[in-house]
Amino acid sequence: MGMSLQAINKRLETGKLSQEELERMASVMGCEYHSFFQFDDGSKVE
C-alpha cells in the first residue's frame, strides 16, 4: 500500500482512512470494499 504497518495501524485506530486507501487495502487483500447507504426498502446510495 505504500505505507508502513505502523502507519496503517494508526489510521485504522483513528478511523482516518480515505476511500482510496480502503479500496487499495481491499485490492491487496483480494476482496472488494463497498461504501454505500442501504435503506429498508433495499434501495442503495453509493
PDB file of N, CA and C in Angstrom:
ATOM      1  N   MET A   1       0.814  -1.202   0.000  1.00  0.00           N
ATOM      2  CA  MET A   1       0.000   0.000   0.000  1.00  0.00           C
ATOM      3  C   MET A   1       0.850   1.256   0.000  1.00  0.00           C
ATOM      4  N   GLY A   2       2.135   1.114   0.166  1.00  0.00           N
ATOM      5  CA  GLY A   2       2.982   2.283   0.195  1.00  0.00           C
ATOM      6  C   GLY A   2       3.027   2.969   1.550  1.00  0.00           C
ATOM      7  N   MET A   3       2.634   2.247   2.618  1.00  0.00           N
ATOM      8  CA  MET A   3       2.679   2.777   3.982  1.00  0.00           C
ATOM      9  C   MET A   3       3.287   1.729   4.884  1.00  0.00           C
ATOM     10  N   SER A   4       3.867   2.189   5.982  1.00  0.00           N
ATOM     11  CA  SER A   4       4.390   1.238   6.961  1.00  0.00           C
ATOM     12  C   SER A   4       3.225   0.605   7.712  1.00  0.00           C
ATOM     13  N   LEU A   5       3.474  -0.542   8.285  1.00  0.00           N
ATOM     14  CA  LEU A   5       2.449  -1.220   9.083  1.00  0.00           C
ATOM     15  C   LEU A   5       2.008  -0.340  10.242  1.00  0.00           C
ATOM     16  N   GLN A   6       2.940   0.379  10.836  1.00  0.00           N
ATOM     17  CA  GLN A   6       2.604   1.282  11.949  1.00  0.00           C
ATOM     18  C   GLN A   6       1.652   2.382  11.490  1.00  0.00           C
ATOM     19  N   ALA A   7       1.906   2.938  10.317  1.00  0.00           N
ATOM     20  CA  ALA A   7       1.043   3.996   9.787  1.00  0.00           C
ATOM     21  C   ALA A   7      -0.358   3.457   9.511  1.00  0.00           C
ATOM     22  N   ILE A   8      -0.442   2.267   8.958  1.00  0.00           N
ATOM     23  CA  ILE A   8      -1.753   1.658   8.687  1.00  0.00           C
ATOM     24  C   ILE A   8      -2.494   1.409   9.994  1.00  0.00           C
ATOM     25  N   ASN A   9      -1.806   0.845  10.988  1.00  0.00           N
ATOM     26  CA  ASN A   9      -2.436   0.589  12.279  1.00  0.00           C
ATOM     27  C   ASN A   9      -2.958   1.869  12.908  1.00  0.00           C
ATOM     28  N   LYS A  10      -2.187   2.938  12.851  1.00  0.00           N
ATOM     29  CA  LYS A  10      -2.594   4.222  13.430  1.00  0.00           C
ATOM     30  C   LYS A  10      -3.840   4.749  12.736  1.00  0.00           C
ATOM     31  N   ARG A  11      -3.851   4.668  11.414  1.00  0.00           N
ATOM     32  CA  ARG A  11      -5.014   5.154  10.655  1.00  0.00           C
ATOM     33  C   ARG A  11      -6.240   4.299  10.923  1.00  0.00           C
ATOM     34  N   LEU A  12      -6.056   2.988  11.104  1.00  0.00           N
ATOM     35  CA  LEU A  12      -7.189   2.119  11.451  1.00  0.00           C
ATOM     36  C   LEU A  12      -7.734   2.471  12.830  1.00  0.00           C
ATOM     37  N   GLU A  13      -6.836   2.739  13.774  1.00  0.00           N
ATOM     38  CA  GLU A  13      -7.257   3.090  15.138  1.00  0.00           C
ATOM     39  C   GLU A  13      -8.055   4.386  15.164  1.00  0.00           C
ATOM     40  N   THR A  14      -7.621   5.361  14.382  1.00  0.00           N
ATOM     41  CA  THR A  14      -8.283   6.663  14.384  1.00  0.00           C
ATOM     42  C   THR A  14      -9.455   6.725  13.411  1.00  0.00           C
ATOM     43  N   GLY A  15      -9.555   5.736  12.527  1.00  0.00           N
ATOM     44  CA  GLY A  15     -10.642   5.731  11.540  1.00  0.00           C
ATOM     45  C   GLY A  15     -10.439   6.764  10.444  1.00  0.00           C
ATOM     46  N   LYS A  16      -9.196   7.164  10.227  1.00  0.00           N
ATOM     47  CA  LYS A  16      -8.906   8.205   9.240  1.00  0.00           C
ATOM     48  C   LYS A  16      -8.303   7.622   7.977  1.00  0.00           C
ATOM     49  N   LEU A  17      -9.031   6.732   7.340  1.00  0.00           N
ATOM     50  CA  LEU A  17      -8.613   6.161   6.069  1.00  0.00           C
ATOM     51  C   LEU A  17      -9.486   6.748   4.971  1.00  0.00           C
ATOM     52  N   SER A  18      -8.865   7.113   3.867  1.00  0.00           N
ATOM     53  CA  SER A  18      -9.624   7.668   2.746  1.00  0.00           C
ATOM     54  C   SER A  18     -10.304   6.534   1.978  1.00  0.00           C
ATOM     55  N   GLN A  19     -11.247   6.909   1.156  1.00  0.00           N
ATOM     56  CA  GLN A  19     -11.935   5.940   0.297  1.00  0.00           C
ATOM     57  C   GLN A  19     -10.910   5.204  -0.565  1.00  0.00           C
ATOM     58  N   GLU A  20      -9.961   5.949  -1.120  1.00  0.00           N
ATOM     59  CA  GLU A  20      -8.932   5.348  -1.973  1.00  0.00           C
ATOM     60  C   GLU A  20      -8.091   4.347  -1.193  1.00  0.00           C
ATOM     61  N   GLU A  21      -7.731   4.670   0.045  1.00  0.00           N
ATOM     62  CA  GLU A  21      -6.920   3.756   0.857  1.00  0.00           C
ATOM     63  C   GLU A  21      -7.700   2.490   1.191  1.00  0.00           C
ATOM     64  N   LEU A  22      -8.977   2.628   1.487  1.00  0.00           N
ATOM     65  CA  LEU A  22      -9.800   1.453   1.783  1.00  0.00           C
ATOM     66  C   LEU A  22      -9.923   0.554   0.552  1.00  0.00           C
ATOM     67  N   GLU A  23     -10.099   1.153  -0.613  1.00  0.00           N
ATOM     68  CA  GLU A  23     -10.181   0.371  -1.850  1.00  0.00           C
ATOM     69  C   GLU A  23      -8.854  -0.323  -2.141  1.00  0.00           C
ATOM     70  N   ARG A  24      -7.729   0.367  -1.892  1.00  0.00           N
ATOM     71  CA  ARG A  24      -6.404  -0.223  -2.092  1.00  0.00           C
ATOM     72  C   ARG A  24      -6.191  -1.391  -1.129  1.00  0.00           C
ATOM     73  N   MET A  25      -6.609  -1.219   0.127  1.00  0.00           N
ATOM     74  CA  MET A  25      -6.482  -2.300   1.111  1.00  0.00           C
ATOM     75  C   MET A  25      -7.255  -3.527   0.655  1.00  0.00           C
ATOM     76  N   ALA A  26      -8.472  -3.308   0.172  1.00  0.00           N
ATOM     77  CA  ALA A  26      -9.289  -4.426  -0.302  1.00  0.00           C
ATOM     78  C   ALA A  26      -8.597  -5.139  -1.458  1.00  0.00           C
ATOM     79  N   SER A  27      -8.038  -4.376  -2.372  1.00  0.00           N
ATOM     80  CA  SER A  27      -7.345  -4.969  -3.515  1.00  0.00           C
ATOM     81  C   SER A  27      -6.176  -5.821  -3.056  1.00  0.00           C
ATOM     82  N   VAL A  28      -5.395  -5.302  -2.117  1.00  0.00           N
ATOM     83  CA  VAL A  28      -4.242  -6.043  -1.591  1.00  0.00           C
ATOM     84  C   VAL A  28      -4.686  -7.340  -0.917  1.00  0.00           C
ATOM     85  N   MET A  29      -5.835  -7.288  -0.235  1.00  0.00           N
ATOM     86  CA  MET A  29      -6.342  -8.469   0.479  1.00  0.00           C
ATOM     87  C   MET A  29      -7.131  -9.406  -0.422  1.00  0.00           C
ATOM     88  N   GLY A  30      -7.345  -9.014  -1.678  1.00  0.00           N
ATOM     89  CA  GLY A  30      -8.064  -9.864  -2.616  1.00  0.00           C
ATOM     90  C   GLY A  30      -9.565  -9.871  -2.394  1.00  0.00           C
ATOM     91  N   CYS A  31     -10.092  -8.733  -1.917  1.00  0.00           N
ATOM     92  CA  CYS A  31     -11.536  -8.654  -1.707  1.00  0.00           C
ATOM     93  C   CYS A  31     -12.039  -7.318  -2.249  1.00  0.00           C
ATOM     94  N   GLU A  32     -13.317  -7.047  -2.085  1.00  0.00           N
ATOM     95  CA  GLU A  32     -13.912  -5.809  -2.545  1.00  0.00           C
ATOM     96  C   GLU A  32     -14.326  -4.960  -1.357  1.00  0.00           C
ATOM     97  N   TYR A  33     -14.190  -3.655  -1.490  1.00  0.00           N
ATOM     98  CA  TYR A  33     -14.661  -2.715  -0.479  1.00  0.00           C
ATOM     99  C   TYR A  33     -15.864  -1.985  -1.049  1.00  0.00           C
ATOM    100  N   HIS A  34     -16.960  -1.948  -0.297  1.00  0.00           N
ATOM    101  CA  HIS A  34     -18.172  -1.258  -0.720  1.00  0.00           C
ATOM    102  C   HIS A  34     -18.519  -0.197   0.312  1.00  0.00           C
ATOM    103  N   SER A  35     -18.843   0.972  -0.169  1.00  0.00           N
ATOM    104  CA  SER A  35     -19.253   2.056   0.714  1.00  0.00           C
ATOM    105  C   SER A  35     -20.563   2.625   0.175  1.00  0.00           C
ATOM    106  N   PHE A  36     -21.662   2.372   0.886  1.00  0.00           N
ATOM    107  CA  PHE A  36     -22.953   2.886   0.444  1.00  0.00           C
ATOM    108  C   PHE A  36     -23.944   2.857   1.598  1.00  0.00           C
ATOM    109  N   PHE A  37     -25.028   3.578   1.403  1.00  0.00           N
ATOM    110  CA  PHE A  37     -26.141   3.540   2.347  1.00  0.00           C
ATOM    111  C   PHE A  37     -27.199   2.621   1.755  1.00  0.00           C
ATOM    112  N   GLN A  38     -27.747   1.731   2.578  1.00  0.00           N
ATOM    113  CA  GLN A  38     -28.806   0.851   2.115  1.00  0.00           C
ATOM    114  C   GLN A  38     -30.009   1.050   3.009  1.00  0.00           C
ATOM    115  N   PHE A  39     -31.141   1.301   2.384  1.00  0.00           N
ATOM    116  CA  PHE A  39     -32.383   1.573   3.101  1.00  0.00           C
ATOM    117  C   PHE A  39     -33.208   0.306   3.265  1.00  0.00           C
ATOM    118  N   ASP A  40     -34.175   0.344   4.163  1.00  0.00           N
ATOM    119  CA  ASP A  40     -35.018  -0.820   4.447  1.00  0.00           C
ATOM    120  C   ASP A  40     -35.717  -1.344   3.205  1.00  0.00           C
ATOM    121  N   ASP A  41     -36.034  -0.454   2.249  1.00  0.00           N
ATOM    122  CA  ASP A  41     -36.725  -0.901   1.034  1.00  0.00           C
ATOM    123  C   ASP A  41     -35.757  -1.532   0.033  1.00  0.00           C
ATOM    124  N   GLY A  42     -34.481  -1.629   0.389  1.00  0.00           N
ATOM    125  CA  GLY A  42     -33.487  -2.265  -0.464  1.00  0.00           C
ATOM    126  C   GLY A  42     -32.762  -1.303  -1.391  1.00  0.00           C
ATOM    127  N   SER A  43     -33.188  -0.050  -1.443  1.00  0.00           N
ATOM    128  CA  SER A  43     -32.506   0.905  -2.318  1.00  0.00           C
ATOM    129  C   SER A  43     -31.163   1.289  -1.709  1.00  0.00           C
ATOM    130  N   LYS A  44     -30.216   1.618  -2.603  1.00  0.00           N
ATOM    131  CA  LYS A  44     -28.849   1.959  -2.185  1.00  0.00           C
ATOM    132  C   LYS A  44     -28.451   3.298  -2.749  1.00  0.00           C
ATOM    133  N   VAL A  45     -27.627   4.012  -2.005  1.00  0.00           N
ATOM    134  CA  VAL A  45     -26.996   5.242  -2.470  1.00  0.00           C
ATOM    135  C   VAL A  45     -25.501   5.019  -2.317  1.00  0.00           C
ATOM    136  N   GLU A  46     -24.818   5.005  -3.461  1.00  0.00           N
ATOM    137  CA  GLU A  46     -23.371   4.752  -3.436  1.00  0.00           C
ATOM    138  C   GLU A  46     -22.598   6.017  -3.634  1.00  0.00           C
TER     139      GLU A  46
END
